[in-house]
Amino acid sequence: MEVLVVEDELEIARLIAFTLGQEGLTCHLCGDGLTALQMVATHSPDVVILDWLLPGLDGLEVCARIRQKPPPKDPYILMLTAKGEEIDRIVGLSTGADDYLVKPFSTKELAARTRALLRRSLRHGGQTLAYKTTHFVVDVDQRIAQRYRGETLEELELSNLEFNLLAALISHPGRVWPRSQLIDKLWGNNFFGDERVVDTHVARLRKKVEPDASNPTFIKTVVGVGYKFEDS
């Protein structure tokens, strides 16, 4: 497993690399946003530990660009920053980050959160898990989501969080998911902020899976509660 550490303070970057190296992870280091985007493309890391304040492109912009055009191995993103106010956490998560850790941080907590991100794709214990409806096929093991266009299956380009959100919704068609349950499913105990951040991610997912995102066919809003997936 490979981790890209994007941190302009070299001592902190080396501390993170040392900590994760003891966990058996391979770390690559860089100190600015543009280089980070290049290394995501060339190294295909499993996790990106991304500082908020960087020279050139800041961490939020880097995160947004990764999610807009994800590489073949779409990485999990852990935002690392001195910004600790709730609104900052909401902004960080709404750009597509999977988790958020505030400086100064415990190296043990950093390692635990990184391991938790890496376990997300392994949580089904190696058992084959896939969902199929009239219009979609979602293979959780291979992390591939496809949509039928006529008789042809077209692969969807989803971020890790978007994939997990679609997999959760499609796992129980017709079930109404309150925002709080989706938060627990996607972030677990690592979530901080307003549950309305779910709306941001649902809106992004709709743009990729719906024929008309403004009038959704599959991901329906249940007013005052949350969302449900409908497909035969």
Protein backbone atom coordinates (compact mmCIF):
# COMPACT_ATOMS: atom_id res chain seq x y z
CA MET A 1 0.00 0.00 0.00
CA GLU A 2 1.31 3.46 -0.93
CA VAL A 3 0.69 6.83 0.69
CA LEU A 4 1.42 10.26 -0.77
CA VAL A 5 2.21 12.83 1.94
CA VAL A 6 1.63 16.39 0.71
CA GLU A 7 3.09 18.65 3.39
CA ASP A 8 5.34 21.70 2.98
CA GLU A 9 6.83 21.44 6.48
CA LEU A 10 9.57 18.88 5.94
CA GLU A 11 9.87 17.80 9.58
CA ILE A 12 6.15 17.02 9.74
CA ALA A 13 6.28 15.18 6.41
CA ARG A 14 9.19 13.06 7.62
CA LEU A 15 7.40 12.32 10.91
CA ILE A 16 4.33 11.12 9.01
CA ALA A 17 6.47 9.00 6.68
CA PHE A 18 8.31 7.44 9.63
CA THR A 19 5.05 6.70 11.47
CA LEU A 20 3.38 5.09 8.47
CA GLY A 21 6.57 3.30 7.49
CA GLN A 22 6.36 1.46 10.80
CA GLU A 23 2.89 0.33 9.68
CA GLY A 24 4.43 -1.26 6.59
CA LEU A 25 3.27 1.48 4.21
CA THR A 26 5.39 3.03 1.46
CA CYS A 27 5.37 6.83 1.59
CA HIS A 28 6.19 9.41 -1.06
CA LEU A 29 6.67 13.05 -0.08
CA CYS A 30 6.04 16.35 -1.81
CA GLY A 31 5.58 19.92 -0.63
CA ASP A 32 3.29 21.72 -3.08
CA GLY A 33 -0.04 21.28 -4.81
CA LEU A 34 1.08 21.05 -8.44
CA THR A 35 3.66 18.38 -7.66
CA ALA A 36 1.02 16.51 -5.67
CA LEU A 37 -1.29 16.31 -8.69
CA GLN A 38 1.58 15.00 -10.83
CA MET A 39 2.52 12.37 -8.25
CA VAL A 40 -1.09 11.21 -7.86
CA ALA A 41 -1.11 10.57 -11.60
CA THR A 42 2.27 8.81 -11.70
CA HIS A 43 2.32 6.89 -8.40
CA SER A 44 -1.40 6.03 -7.99
CA PRO A 45 -1.30 6.12 -4.17
CA ASP A 46 -3.93 4.37 -2.09
CA VAL A 47 -4.15 7.31 0.34
CA VAL A 48 -3.21 10.98 0.03
CA ILE A 49 -2.46 12.81 3.28
CA LEU A 50 -3.02 16.36 2.18
CA ASP A 51 -2.12 19.55 4.04
CA TRP A 52 -4.66 22.37 3.69
CA LEU A 53 -2.18 25.26 3.41
CA LEU A 54 0.31 24.65 0.60
CA PRO A 55 2.36 26.90 -1.68
CA GLY A 56 0.75 27.34 -5.08
CA LEU A 57 -2.45 25.30 -5.14
CA ASP A 58 -3.87 24.82 -1.65
CA GLY A 59 -5.10 21.48 -0.34
CA LEU A 60 -8.76 22.18 -1.06
CA GLU A 61 -8.01 22.88 -4.72
CA VAL A 62 -5.82 19.79 -4.99
CA CYS A 63 -8.57 17.67 -3.43
CA ALA A 64 -11.20 19.12 -5.76
CA ARG A 65 -9.07 18.48 -8.85
CA ILE A 66 -8.38 14.88 -7.85
CA ARG A 67 -12.11 14.27 -7.42
CA GLN A 68 -13.01 16.04 -10.68
CA LYS A 69 -10.65 13.86 -12.70
CA PRO A 70 -9.69 10.85 -10.58
CA PRO A 71 -6.81 8.57 -11.63
CA PRO A 72 -7.46 4.85 -12.29
CA LYS A 73 -6.86 4.15 -8.59
CA ASP A 74 -8.91 6.89 -7.00
CA PRO A 75 -7.19 7.55 -3.65
CA TYR A 76 -8.68 8.14 -0.25
CA ILE A 77 -7.89 11.66 0.94
CA LEU A 78 -7.11 12.64 4.53
CA MET A 79 -7.03 16.42 5.00
CA LEU A 80 -4.40 17.57 7.49
CA THR A 81 -4.60 21.15 8.68
CA ALA A 82 -4.33 23.63 11.51
CA LYS A 83 -7.86 24.82 10.73
CA GLY A 84 -10.14 23.33 13.37
CA GLU A 85 -13.40 25.26 13.21
CA GLU A 86 -16.49 23.23 12.31
CA ILE A 87 -17.12 25.21 9.10
CA ASP A 88 -13.60 24.38 7.92
CA ARG A 89 -14.25 20.69 8.47
CA ILE A 90 -17.47 20.92 6.48
CA VAL A 91 -15.69 22.69 3.61
CA GLY A 92 -12.91 20.12 3.61
CA LEU A 93 -15.29 17.16 3.47
CA SER A 94 -17.53 18.80 0.87
CA THR A 95 -14.60 19.04 -1.58
CA GLY A 96 -14.35 15.24 -1.54
CA ALA A 97 -12.02 14.49 1.37
CA ASP A 98 -12.70 11.20 3.13
CA ASP A 99 -11.40 12.24 6.54
CA TYR A 100 -10.05 15.24 8.42
CA LEU A 101 -7.35 15.58 11.09
CA VAL A 102 -6.42 18.80 12.88
CA LYS A 103 -2.87 19.84 13.80
CA PRO A 104 -1.30 19.27 16.24
CA PHE A 105 -2.13 15.60 15.83
CA SER A 106 -1.24 12.33 17.51
CA THR A 107 0.86 10.07 15.29
CA LYS A 108 -1.08 7.10 16.69
CA GLU A 109 -4.36 8.70 15.60
CA LEU A 110 -2.94 9.51 12.17
CA ALA A 111 -1.86 5.89 11.73
CA ALA A 112 -5.24 4.61 12.96
CA ARG A 113 -7.18 6.84 10.57
CA THR A 114 -4.96 5.86 7.65
CA ARG A 115 -5.49 2.17 8.43
CA ALA A 116 -9.24 2.78 8.68
CA LEU A 117 -9.29 4.30 5.20
CA LEU A 118 -7.34 1.38 3.77
CA ARG A 119 -9.72 -1.10 5.41
CA ARG A 120 -12.78 0.40 3.75
CA SER A 121 -12.24 -1.56 0.55
CA LEU A 122 -11.57 -4.75 2.56
CA ARG A 123 -14.50 -4.57 4.99
CA HIS A 124 -16.42 -7.39 3.28
CA GLY A 125 -13.83 -9.99 4.25
CA GLY A 126 -12.96 -11.09 0.73
CA GLN A 127 -16.47 -12.30 -0.04
CA THR A 128 -17.81 -11.45 -3.46
CA LEU A 129 -20.23 -8.59 -3.14
CA ALA A 130 -22.02 -7.00 -6.09
CA TYR A 131 -25.37 -5.37 -6.72
CA LYS A 132 -27.30 -5.44 -9.98
CA THR A 133 -30.44 -3.54 -10.96
CA THR A 134 -32.04 -2.80 -14.30
CA HIS A 135 -29.72 0.12 -14.99
CA PHE A 136 -26.67 -0.46 -12.75
CA VAL A 137 -24.04 -3.01 -11.78
CA VAL A 138 -21.91 -2.20 -8.72
CA ASP A 139 -19.05 -4.60 -7.90
CA VAL A 140 -17.90 -3.74 -4.39
CA ASP A 141 -14.87 -6.06 -4.44
CA GLN A 142 -13.48 -4.65 -7.66
CA ARG A 143 -14.84 -1.17 -6.84
CA ILE A 144 -16.37 -0.84 -10.29
CA ALA A 145 -19.70 0.89 -10.91
CA GLN A 146 -21.35 0.54 -14.32
CA ARG A 147 -24.53 1.85 -15.89
CA TYR A 148 -26.42 0.39 -18.83
CA ARG A 149 -26.77 2.51 -21.93
CA GLY A 150 -29.05 0.37 -24.03
CA GLU A 151 -27.43 -3.06 -23.89
CA THR A 152 -23.93 -1.68 -23.26
CA LEU A 153 -22.39 -1.30 -19.82
CA GLU A 154 -20.59 2.00 -19.31
CA GLU A 155 -18.16 2.38 -16.39
CA LEU A 156 -18.83 5.36 -14.14
CA GLU A 157 -15.94 7.54 -12.99
CA LEU A 158 -16.68 7.96 -9.28
CA SER A 159 -14.59 9.13 -6.37
CA ASN A 160 -14.17 6.69 -3.48
CA LEU A 161 -16.80 8.50 -1.47
CA GLU A 162 -19.22 8.64 -4.41
CA PHE A 163 -18.73 4.91 -4.99
CA ASN A 164 -19.37 4.11 -1.33
CA LEU A 165 -22.46 6.30 -1.35
CA LEU A 166 -23.88 4.61 -4.46
CA ALA A 167 -23.06 1.15 -3.06
CA ALA A 168 -24.86 1.97 0.19
CA LEU A 169 -27.97 3.27 -1.57
CA ILE A 170 -28.15 0.48 -4.13
CA SER A 171 -27.63 -2.24 -1.49
CA HIS A 172 -31.26 -1.78 -0.36
CA PRO A 173 -33.41 -0.35 -3.19
CA GLY A 174 -36.43 1.46 -1.82
CA ARG A 175 -34.97 1.83 1.67
CA VAL A 176 -35.01 5.36 3.04
CA TRP A 177 -31.59 6.33 4.38
CA PRO A 178 -31.56 9.19 6.91
CA ARG A 179 -28.55 11.45 6.51
CA SER A 180 -27.23 10.30 9.89
CA GLN A 181 -27.16 6.66 8.71
CA LEU A 182 -25.36 7.58 5.51
CA ILE A 183 -22.79 9.52 7.54
CA ASP A 184 -22.22 6.48 9.75
CA LYS A 185 -21.90 4.28 6.67
CA LEU A 186 -19.44 6.58 4.89
CA TRP A 187 -17.39 8.14 7.67
CA GLY A 188 -18.15 6.19 10.83
CA ASN A 189 -16.88 7.85 14.00
CA ASN A 190 -14.50 10.05 12.02
CA PHE A 191 -17.18 12.52 10.93
CA PHE A 192 -17.26 16.07 12.25
CA GLY A 193 -19.65 18.72 11.02
CA ASP A 194 -23.13 19.29 9.70
CA GLU A 195 -24.97 16.26 8.30
CA ARG A 196 -26.07 18.42 5.36
CA VAL A 197 -22.64 17.74 3.84
CA VAL A 198 -24.33 14.54 2.60
CA ASP A 199 -26.43 16.69 0.27
CA THR A 200 -23.28 17.96 -1.44
CA HIS A 201 -22.05 14.45 -2.18
CA VAL A 202 -25.48 13.26 -3.33
CA ALA A 203 -25.63 16.20 -5.75
CA ARG A 204 -22.24 15.26 -7.20
CA LEU A 205 -23.22 11.61 -7.51
CA ARG A 206 -26.45 12.52 -9.29
CA LYS A 207 -24.50 14.44 -11.93
CA LYS A 208 -22.68 11.21 -12.78
CA VAL A 209 -25.51 8.66 -12.62
CA GLU A 210 -28.73 10.48 -13.46
CA PRO A 211 -30.01 11.26 -16.97
CA ASP A 212 -31.14 14.61 -15.53
CA ALA A 213 -29.58 15.54 -12.19
CA SER A 214 -32.17 18.27 -11.61
CA ASN A 215 -34.99 15.72 -11.93
CA PRO A 216 -33.48 12.50 -10.51
CA THR A 217 -34.78 9.12 -11.60
CA PHE A 218 -32.76 6.85 -9.32
CA ILE A 219 -31.60 8.75 -6.22
CA LYS A 220 -34.71 10.26 -4.73
CA THR A 221 -34.93 12.84 -1.95
CA VAL A 222 -37.21 11.97 0.96
CA VAL A 223 -38.08 15.41 2.29
CA GLY A 224 -37.11 15.95 5.90
CA VAL A 225 -35.39 12.55 6.15
CA GLY A 226 -32.73 11.71 3.57
CA TYR A 227 -32.48 9.67 0.37
CA LYS A 228 -33.46 6.40 -1.27
CA PHE A 229 -32.48 4.52 -4.43
CA GLU A 230 -35.17 3.36 -6.84
CA ASP A 231 -34.63 1.00 -9.77
CA SER A 232 -36.34 -2.25 -10.65
